[in-house]
C-alpha atoms as a PDB file:
ATOM      1  CA  MET A   1       0.061  -0.072  -0.012  1.00  0.00           C
ATOM      2  CA  GLY A   2       1.402   3.448  -0.885  1.00  0.00           C
ATOM      3  CA  PHE A   3       1.454   6.442   1.033  1.00  0.00           C
ATOM      4  CA  SER A   4      -1.455   8.068  -0.864  1.00  0.00           C
ATOM      5  CA  ASP A   5      -3.639   5.023  -0.325  1.00  0.00           C
ATOM      6  CA  PHE A   6      -2.966   5.188   3.359  1.00  0.00           C
ATOM      7  CA  ILE A   7      -4.158   8.860   3.456  1.00  0.00           C
ATOM      8  CA  THR A   8      -7.486   7.882   1.570  1.00  0.00           C
ATOM      9  CA  LEU A   9      -8.033   5.183   3.909  1.00  0.00           C
ATOM     10  CA  PHE A  10      -7.551   7.579   7.107  1.00  0.00           C
ATOM     11  CA  PHE A  11      -9.792   9.916   5.783  1.00  0.00           C
ATOM     12  CA  LEU A  12     -12.626   7.340   4.929  1.00  0.00           C
ATOM     13  CA  VAL A  13     -12.282   5.898   8.513  1.00  0.00           C
ATOM     14  CA  ALA A  14     -12.640   9.211  10.014  1.00  0.00           C
ATOM     15  CA  ALA A  15     -15.603  10.143   7.949  1.00  0.00           C
ATOM     16  CA  VAL A  16     -17.285   6.971   9.131  1.00  0.00           C
ATOM     17  CA  LEU A  17     -16.620   7.628  12.956  1.00  0.00           C
ATOM     18  CA  ILE A  18     -17.907  11.239  12.650  1.00  0.00           C
ATOM     19  CA  PHE A  19     -21.049  10.070  10.661  1.00  0.00           C
ATOM     20  CA  LEU A  20     -21.855   7.583  13.542  1.00  0.00           C
ATOM     21  CA  GLN A  21     -21.427  10.153  16.286  1.00  0.00           C
ATOM     22  CA  LEU A  22     -23.701  12.614  14.658  1.00  0.00           C
ATOM     23  CA  ARG A  23     -26.233   9.864  14.098  1.00  0.00           C
ATOM     24  CA  SER A  24     -26.129   8.904  17.745  1.00  0.00           C
ATOM     25  CA  VAL A  25     -26.884  12.607  18.743  1.00  0.00           C
ATOM     26  CA  LEU A  26     -29.221  14.030  15.759  1.00  0.00           C
ATOM     27  CA  GLY A  27     -31.249  10.840  16.049  1.00  0.00           C
ATOM     28  CA  ARG A  28     -32.156  10.778  19.465  1.00  0.00           C
ATOM     29  CA  ARG A  29     -35.625  12.272  20.319  1.00  0.00           C
ATOM     30  CA  THR A  30     -35.626  14.549  23.715  1.00  0.00           C
ATOM     31  CA  GLY A  31     -39.473  15.488  23.856  1.00  0.00           C
ATOM     32  CA  ASN A  32     -38.728  19.037  22.984  1.00  0.00           C
ATOM     33  CA  GLU A  33     -38.688  19.039  19.238  1.00  0.00           C
ATOM     34  CA  LYS A  34     -41.130  21.262  17.391  1.00  0.00           C
ATOM     35  CA  PRO A  35     -43.473  19.587  14.987  1.00  0.00           C
ATOM     36  CA  PRO A  36     -42.686  20.366  11.182  1.00  0.00           C
ATOM     37  CA  PHE A  37     -43.933  23.600  10.019  1.00  0.00           C
ATOM     38  CA  ASP A  38     -47.337  23.459   8.019  1.00  0.00           C
ATOM     39  CA  PRO A  39     -48.291  26.935   6.120  1.00  0.00           C
ATOM     40  CA  TYR A  40     -51.986  25.650   6.058  1.00  0.00           C
ATOM     41  CA  SER A  41     -52.424  24.911   9.675  1.00  0.00           C
ATOM     42  CA  PRO A  42     -54.185  27.523  11.911  1.00  0.00           C
ATOM     43  CA  ARG A  43     -51.716  29.549  14.001  1.00  0.00           C
ATOM     44  CA  ASP A  44     -51.524  29.040  17.681  1.00  0.00           C
ATOM     45  CA  VAL A  45     -52.778  32.085  18.641  1.00  0.00           C
ATOM     46  CA  ALA A  46     -56.356  31.021  17.221  1.00  0.00           C
ATOM     47  CA  LYS A  47     -56.400  27.849  18.994  1.00  0.00           C
ATOM     48  CA  GLY A  48     -56.870  29.298  22.551  1.00  0.00           C
ATOM     49  CA  PRO A  49     -55.742  27.998  25.971  1.00  0.00           C
ATOM     50  CA  VAL A  50     -55.544  24.241  26.217  1.00  0.00           C
ATOM     51  CA  THR A  51     -56.138  22.250  29.312  1.00  0.00           C
ATOM     52  CA  ASP A  52     -54.198  19.032  30.493  1.00  0.00           C
ATOM     53  CA  ASP A  53     -56.456  16.861  28.576  1.00  0.00           C
ATOM     54  CA  ASN A  54     -56.037  18.734  25.470  1.00  0.00           C
ATOM     55  CA  LYS A  55     -59.374  20.177  25.265  1.00  0.00           C
ATOM     56  CA  VAL A  56     -59.940  23.800  24.137  1.00  0.00           C
ATOM     57  CA  VAL A  57     -61.151  26.063  26.759  1.00  0.00           C
ATOM     58  CA  THR A  58     -63.998  28.394  25.639  1.00  0.00           C
ATOM     59  CA  LEU A  59     -63.640  31.958  26.815  1.00  0.00           C
ATOM     60  CA  PRO A  60     -66.682  33.046  29.129  1.00  0.00           C
ATOM     61  CA  ARG A  61     -69.466  34.804  27.316  1.00  0.00           C
ATOM     62  CA  ARG A  62     -71.429  37.916  28.793  1.00  0.00           C
ATOM     63  CA  SER A  63     -74.397  36.330  30.491  1.00  0.00           C
ATOM     64  CA  GLU A  64     -78.080  36.961  29.670  1.00  0.00           C
ATOM     65  CA  THR A  65     -78.357  38.771  33.071  1.00  0.00           C
ATOM     66  CA  GLU A  66     -75.425  41.395  32.477  1.00  0.00           C
ATOM     67  CA  ASP A  67     -77.134  42.067  28.818  1.00  0.00           C
ATOM     68  CA  ASP A  68     -80.522  42.633  30.642  1.00  0.00           C
ATOM     69  CA  GLU A  69     -78.977  45.124  33.076  1.00  0.00           C
ATOM     70  CA  ASN A  70     -77.026  47.135  30.325  1.00  0.00           C
ATOM     71  CA  ARG A  71     -79.556  46.735  27.631  1.00  0.00           C
ATOM     72  CA  PHE A  72     -81.822  49.913  28.581  1.00  0.00           C
ATOM     73  CA  ALA A  73     -78.866  52.181  30.009  1.00  0.00           C
ATOM     74  CA  GLU A  74     -79.553  54.636  27.188  1.00  0.00           C
ATOM     75  CA  ALA A  75     -83.383  54.686  28.185  1.00  0.00           C
ATOM     76  CA  ASP A  76     -82.359  55.336  31.858  1.00  0.00           C
ATOM     77  CA  ALA A  77     -80.098  58.052  30.821  1.00  0.00           C
ATOM     78  CA  LEU A  78     -82.892  60.199  29.048  1.00  0.00           C
ATOM     79  CA  ALA A  79     -85.808  59.340  31.415  1.00  0.00           C
ATOM     80  CA  PRO A  80     -86.173  58.258  34.902  1.00  0.00           C
ATOM     81  CA  VAL A  81     -86.676  54.595  35.304  1.00  0.00           C
ATOM     82  CA  ASP A  82     -90.000  54.716  36.636  1.00  0.00           C
ATOM     83  CA  SER A  83     -91.416  57.188  34.167  1.00  0.00           C
ATOM     84  CA  ALA A  84     -93.897  56.439  31.413  1.00  0.00           C
ATOM     85  CA  LEU A  85     -91.299  57.689  28.885  1.00  0.00           C
ATOM     86  CA  ASN A  86     -88.729  55.208  30.117  1.00  0.00           C
ATOM     87  CA  GLY A  87     -91.133  52.487  29.742  1.00  0.00           C
ATOM     88  CA  SER A  88     -92.275  53.415  26.381  1.00  0.00           C
ATOM     89  CA  LEU A  89     -88.450  53.647  25.261  1.00  0.00           C
ATOM     90  CA  ARG A  90     -87.806  50.175  26.792  1.00  0.00           C
ATOM     91  CA  GLU A  91     -90.798  48.766  24.927  1.00  0.00           C
ATOM     92  CA  VAL A  92     -89.509  50.262  21.672  1.00  0.00           C
ATOM     93  CA  MET A  93     -86.224  48.803  22.225  1.00  0.00           C
ATOM     94  CA  THR A  94     -87.497  45.400  22.899  1.00  0.00           C
ATOM     95  CA  ARG A  95     -89.698  45.413  19.828  1.00  0.00           C
ATOM     96  CA  ASP A  96     -86.912  46.939  17.632  1.00  0.00           C
ATOM     97  CA  PRO A  97     -83.562  45.750  18.971  1.00  0.00           C
ATOM     98  CA  SER A  98     -81.401  48.164  16.412  1.00  0.00           C
ATOM     99  CA  PHE A  99     -83.047  51.192  18.224  1.00  0.00           C
ATOM    100  CA  ARG A 100     -80.505  53.256  20.034  1.00  0.00           C
ATOM    101  CA  PRO A 101     -81.986  56.438  21.465  1.00  0.00           C
ATOM    102  CA  LYS A 102     -78.725  58.430  21.356  1.00  0.00           C
ATOM    103  CA  GLU A 103     -78.195  57.344  17.782  1.00  0.00           C
ATOM    104  CA  PHE A 104     -81.774  58.320  16.875  1.00  0.00           C
ATOM    105  CA  LEU A 105     -81.309  61.758  18.437  1.00  0.00           C
ATOM    106  CA  ASN A 106     -78.068  62.352  16.656  1.00  0.00           C
ATOM    107  CA  GLY A 107     -79.860  61.358  13.288  1.00  0.00           C
ATOM    108  CA  ALA A 108     -82.965  63.520  13.968  1.00  0.00           C
ATOM    109  CA  ARG A 109     -80.885  66.520  14.772  1.00  0.00           C
ATOM    110  CA  MET A 110     -79.229  66.173  11.135  1.00  0.00           C
ATOM    111  CA  ALA A 111     -82.473  65.339   9.580  1.00  0.00           C
ATOM    112  CA  TYR A 112     -84.031  68.566  11.243  1.00  0.00           C
ATOM    113  CA  GLU A 113     -81.773  70.742   9.695  1.00  0.00           C
ATOM    114  CA  MET A 114     -82.046  69.145   6.348  1.00  0.00           C
ATOM    115  CA  ILE A 115     -85.725  69.536   6.360  1.00  0.00           C
ATOM    116  CA  VAL A 116     -85.585  73.209   7.588  1.00  0.00           C
ATOM    117  CA  MET A 117     -83.229  74.287   5.037  1.00  0.00           C
ATOM    118  CA  GLY A 118     -84.721  72.072   2.208  1.00  0.00           C
ATOM    119  CA  PHE A 119     -88.066  73.740   2.781  1.00  0.00           C
ATOM    120  CA  ALA A 120     -86.559  77.212   2.679  1.00  0.00           C
ATOM    121  CA  ASP A 121     -84.676  76.428  -0.456  1.00  0.00           C
ATOM    122  CA  GLY A 122     -87.521  74.602  -2.042  1.00  0.00           C
ATOM    123  CA  ASP A 123     -85.789  71.274  -2.463  1.00  0.00           C
ATOM    124  CA  ARG A 124     -88.426  68.845  -3.004  1.00  0.00           C
ATOM    125  CA  LYS A 125     -86.035  66.018  -3.746  1.00  0.00           C
ATOM    126  CA  THR A 126     -84.323  66.209  -0.298  1.00  0.00           C
ATOM    127  CA  LEU A 127     -87.834  66.610   1.366  1.00  0.00           C
ATOM    128  CA  LYS A 128     -89.452  63.558  -0.433  1.00  0.00           C
ATOM    129  CA  ASN A 129     -86.676  61.424   0.947  1.00  0.00           C
ATOM    130  CA  LEU A 130     -87.287  62.564   4.605  1.00  0.00           C
ATOM    131  CA  LEU A 131     -90.882  63.232   4.985  1.00  0.00           C
ATOM    132  CA  SER A 132     -94.198  61.069   4.938  1.00  0.00           C
ATOM    133  CA  LYS A 133     -96.494  61.414   1.842  1.00  0.00           C
ATOM    134  CA  GLU A 134     -98.861  63.535   3.966  1.00  0.00           C
ATOM    135  CA  VAL A 135     -96.208  65.755   5.381  1.00  0.00           C
ATOM    136  CA  PHE A 136     -94.335  66.084   1.889  1.00  0.00           C
ATOM    137  CA  ASP A 137     -97.825  66.974   0.199  1.00  0.00           C
ATOM    138  CA  GLY A 138     -98.335  69.798   2.825  1.00  0.00           C
ATOM    139  CA  PHE A 139     -94.608  71.224   2.350  1.00  0.00           C
ATOM    140  CA  GLU A 140     -94.938  70.961  -1.337  1.00  0.00           C
ATOM    141  CA  ALA A 141     -98.105  72.983  -1.378  1.00  0.00           C
ATOM    142  CA  ALA A 142     -96.638  75.612   0.771  1.00  0.00           C
ATOM    143  CA  ILE A 143     -93.389  75.782  -1.598  1.00  0.00           C
ATOM    144  CA  SER A 144     -95.470  75.954  -4.783  1.00  0.00           C
ATOM    145  CA  GLU A 145     -97.769  78.906  -3.101  1.00  0.00           C
ATOM    146  CA  ARG A 146     -94.531  80.739  -2.299  1.00  0.00           C
ATOM    147  CA  GLU A 147     -93.144  80.266  -5.716  1.00  0.00           C
ATOM    148  CA  GLY A 148     -96.448  81.320  -7.299  1.00  0.00           C
ATOM    149  CA  ARG A 149     -96.235  84.519  -5.632  1.00  0.00           C
ATOM    150  CA  GLY A 150     -92.543  84.904  -6.604  1.00  0.00           C
ATOM    151  CA  GLU A 151     -91.185  84.896  -3.048  1.00  0.00           C
ATOM    152  CA  VAL A 152     -87.820  83.935  -1.936  1.00  0.00           C
ATOM    153  CA  VAL A 153     -86.551  82.750   1.221  1.00  0.00           C
ATOM    154  CA  LYS A 154     -83.156  83.285   2.582  1.00  0.00           C
ATOM    155  CA  SER A 155     -82.341  81.300   5.679  1.00  0.00           C
ATOM    156  CA  THR A 156     -79.248  80.551   7.860  1.00  0.00           C
ATOM    157  CA  PHE A 157     -79.397  77.784  10.117  1.00  0.00           C
ATOM    158  CA  VAL A 158     -77.444  78.723  13.272  1.00  0.00           C
ATOM    159  CA  GLY A 159     -78.028  75.557  15.142  1.00  0.00           C
ATOM    160  CA  ILE A 160     -79.974  73.355  17.634  1.00  0.00           C
ATOM    161  CA  GLU A 161     -80.044  74.415  21.127  1.00  0.00           C
ATOM    162  CA  LYS A 162     -82.135  71.366  22.476  1.00  0.00           C
ATOM    163  CA  ALA A 163     -83.466  68.084  21.132  1.00  0.00           C
ATOM    164  CA  ASP A 164     -85.423  65.887  23.525  1.00  0.00           C
ATOM    165  CA  ILE A 165     -87.619  62.731  23.197  1.00  0.00           C
ATOM    166  CA  THR A 166     -90.874  63.478  24.753  1.00  0.00           C
ATOM    167  CA  GLN A 167     -92.916  60.464  23.570  1.00  0.00           C
ATOM    168  CA  ALA A 168     -92.114  57.141  22.353  1.00  0.00           C
ATOM    169  CA  GLY A 169     -94.340  54.183  21.126  1.00  0.00           C
ATOM    170  CA  ILE A 170     -95.468  51.448  18.890  1.00  0.00           C
ATOM    171  CA  ARG A 171     -98.795  51.248  16.810  1.00  0.00           C
ATOM    172  CA  ASP A 172     -98.845  47.866  14.927  1.00  0.00           C
ATOM    173  CA  SER A 173     -95.206  47.443  13.390  1.00  0.00           C
ATOM    174  CA  GLU A 174     -94.662  51.344  13.255  1.00  0.00           C
ATOM    175  CA  VAL A 175     -92.374  52.942  15.942  1.00  0.00           C
ATOM    176  CA  GLN A 176     -93.178  56.633  16.588  1.00  0.00           C
ATOM    177  CA  ILE A 177     -90.716  58.964  18.393  1.00  0.00           C
ATOM    178  CA  THR A 178     -91.780  62.537  19.167  1.00  0.00           C
ATOM    179  CA  LEU A 179     -89.302  65.221  20.041  1.00  0.00           C
ATOM    180  CA  ARG A 180     -89.248  68.723  21.121  1.00  0.00           C
ATOM    181  CA  ILE A 181     -86.538  70.720  19.203  1.00  0.00           C
ATOM    182  CA  VAL A 182     -85.389  74.012  20.114  1.00  0.00           C
ATOM    183  CA  SER A 183     -83.572  75.557  17.046  1.00  0.00           C
ATOM    184  CA  GLN A 184     -82.014  79.106  16.241  1.00  0.00           C
ATOM    185  CA  LEU A 185     -82.465  80.342  12.745  1.00  0.00           C
ATOM    186  CA  ILE A 186     -82.151  83.481  10.719  1.00  0.00           C
ATOM    187  CA  SER A 187     -84.828  83.754   8.097  1.00  0.00           C
ATOM    188  CA  ALA A 188     -86.121  86.329   5.717  1.00  0.00           C
ATOM    189  CA  THR A 189     -88.607  86.221   2.979  1.00  0.00           C
ATOM    190  CA  TYR A 190     -88.574  88.724   0.072  1.00  0.00           C
ATOM    191  CA  ASP A 191     -91.243  89.273  -2.693  1.00  0.00           C
ATOM    192  CA  LYS A 192     -90.597  89.265  -6.260  1.00  0.00           C
ATOM    193  CA  ASP A 193     -89.323  92.969  -6.007  1.00  0.00           C
ATOM    194  CA  GLY A 194     -86.812  91.985  -3.445  1.00  0.00           C
ATOM    195  CA  LYS A 195     -88.899  93.795  -0.696  1.00  0.00           C
ATOM    196  CA  LEU A 196     -88.678  92.197   2.934  1.00  0.00           C
ATOM    197  CA  VAL A 197     -92.283  90.738   3.492  1.00  0.00           C
ATOM    198  CA  ASP A 198     -91.397  88.488   6.552  1.00  0.00           C
ATOM    199  CA  GLY A 199     -88.715  87.670   8.993  1.00  0.00           C
ATOM    200  CA  ASP A 200     -85.505  89.649   9.793  1.00  0.00           C
ATOM    201  CA  PRO A 201     -82.197  89.015   7.965  1.00  0.00           C
ATOM    202  CA  ASP A 202     -80.288  90.586  11.025  1.00  0.00           C
ATOM    203  CA  THR A 203     -81.996  88.542  13.854  1.00  0.00           C
ATOM    204  CA  VAL A 204     -81.509  85.104  15.030  1.00  0.00           C
ATOM    205  CA  ALA A 205     -84.901  83.768  15.961  1.00  0.00           C
ATOM    206  CA  GLU A 206     -85.718  80.780  18.428  1.00  0.00           C
ATOM    207  CA  VAL A 207     -87.939  78.283  17.071  1.00  0.00           C
ATOM    208  CA  ASP A 208     -89.785  75.707  19.060  1.00  0.00           C
ATOM    209  CA  ASP A 209     -90.929  72.537  17.128  1.00  0.00           C
ATOM    210  CA  ILE A 210     -92.714  69.351  18.036  1.00  0.00           C
ATOM    211  CA  TRP A 211     -91.831  66.787  15.438  1.00  0.00           C
ATOM    212  CA  THR A 212     -92.772  63.084  15.186  1.00  0.00           C
ATOM    213  CA  PHE A 213     -90.589  60.472  13.258  1.00  0.00           C
ATOM    214  CA  SER A 214     -91.791  57.023  12.324  1.00  0.00           C
ATOM    215  CA  ARG A 215     -90.278  53.723  10.889  1.00  0.00           C
ATOM    216  CA  ASP A 216     -91.928  50.502  10.017  1.00  0.00           C
ATOM    217  CA  VAL A 217     -90.028  47.712  12.105  1.00  0.00           C
ATOM    218  CA  ARG A 218     -90.746  45.259   9.567  1.00  0.00           C
ATOM    219  CA  SER A 219     -89.069  47.178   6.598  1.00  0.00           C
ATOM    220  CA  ARG A 220     -85.239  46.803   5.958  1.00  0.00           C
ATOM    221  CA  ASP A 221     -85.051  50.403   5.479  1.00  0.00           C
ATOM    222  CA  PRO A 222     -83.423  51.862   8.490  1.00  0.00           C
ATOM    223  CA  ASN A 223     -84.267  55.463   7.562  1.00  0.00           C
ATOM    224  CA  TRP A 224     -87.024  57.551   9.574  1.00  0.00           C
ATOM    225  CA  LYS A 225     -89.489  59.820   8.082  1.00  0.00           C
ATOM    226  CA  LEU A 226     -91.272  62.805   9.477  1.00  0.00           C
ATOM    227  CA  ILE A 227     -95.003  62.081   9.991  1.00  0.00           C
ATOM    228  CA  ALA A 228     -96.344  65.132  11.891  1.00  0.00           C
ATOM    229  CA  THR A 229     -95.215  68.738  12.751  1.00  0.00           C
ATOM    230  CA  GLU A 230     -96.484  71.444  15.132  1.00  0.00           C
ATOM    231  CA  SER A 231     -95.049  74.611  16.423  1.00  0.00           C
ATOM    232  CA  GLU A 232     -95.053  75.181  20.156  1.00  0.00           C
ATOM    233  CA  GLN A 233     -95.973  78.869  21.000  1.00  0.00           C
END
């Protein structure tokens, strides 16, 4: 055997010994190995805590009692618990689970401004979307009479000072909510010659209205319509 053959045999034996040593270490399971990564498996975060018997622990849900206690909090904030109005609001919220008094008030305030300015501007399209047929017919008749006389209304909506629910109830499937709205408005009406015939362009007037909005709880349409108006003197 030549010297070169001896060197080759030496490295071959060394390689075999190293392989056996690595195999004895890498092939041994310690119990701490991580499972192979599966890109299609749910992440551990979504699995939730697990008990010793490998059953998923379901997080506690809010109890029905807690729901009942908090359900009418908005009604209680708007009217004393033992009052007729509070009872009516609770009845509406029971029949129409989507009804939230605070959200309704915010929407009613916006609708009020749109209706007041829509009437002043003669905007029939806007009014038709916000009024019941009977109320729209009355508004439209007043606008037509005004236009027939050649009169023009110039109004500036200053804001709503107060908006309170005064009555609530359900007739058949129709929810009706009545509000007292106190607003501030600058309004002046001019004839066809530009002469002031009503109002004051330099004075902020306080307007006190009683408006009733309605919505059919059977309808998928979430919008309310104005069904009655009157002014409180």
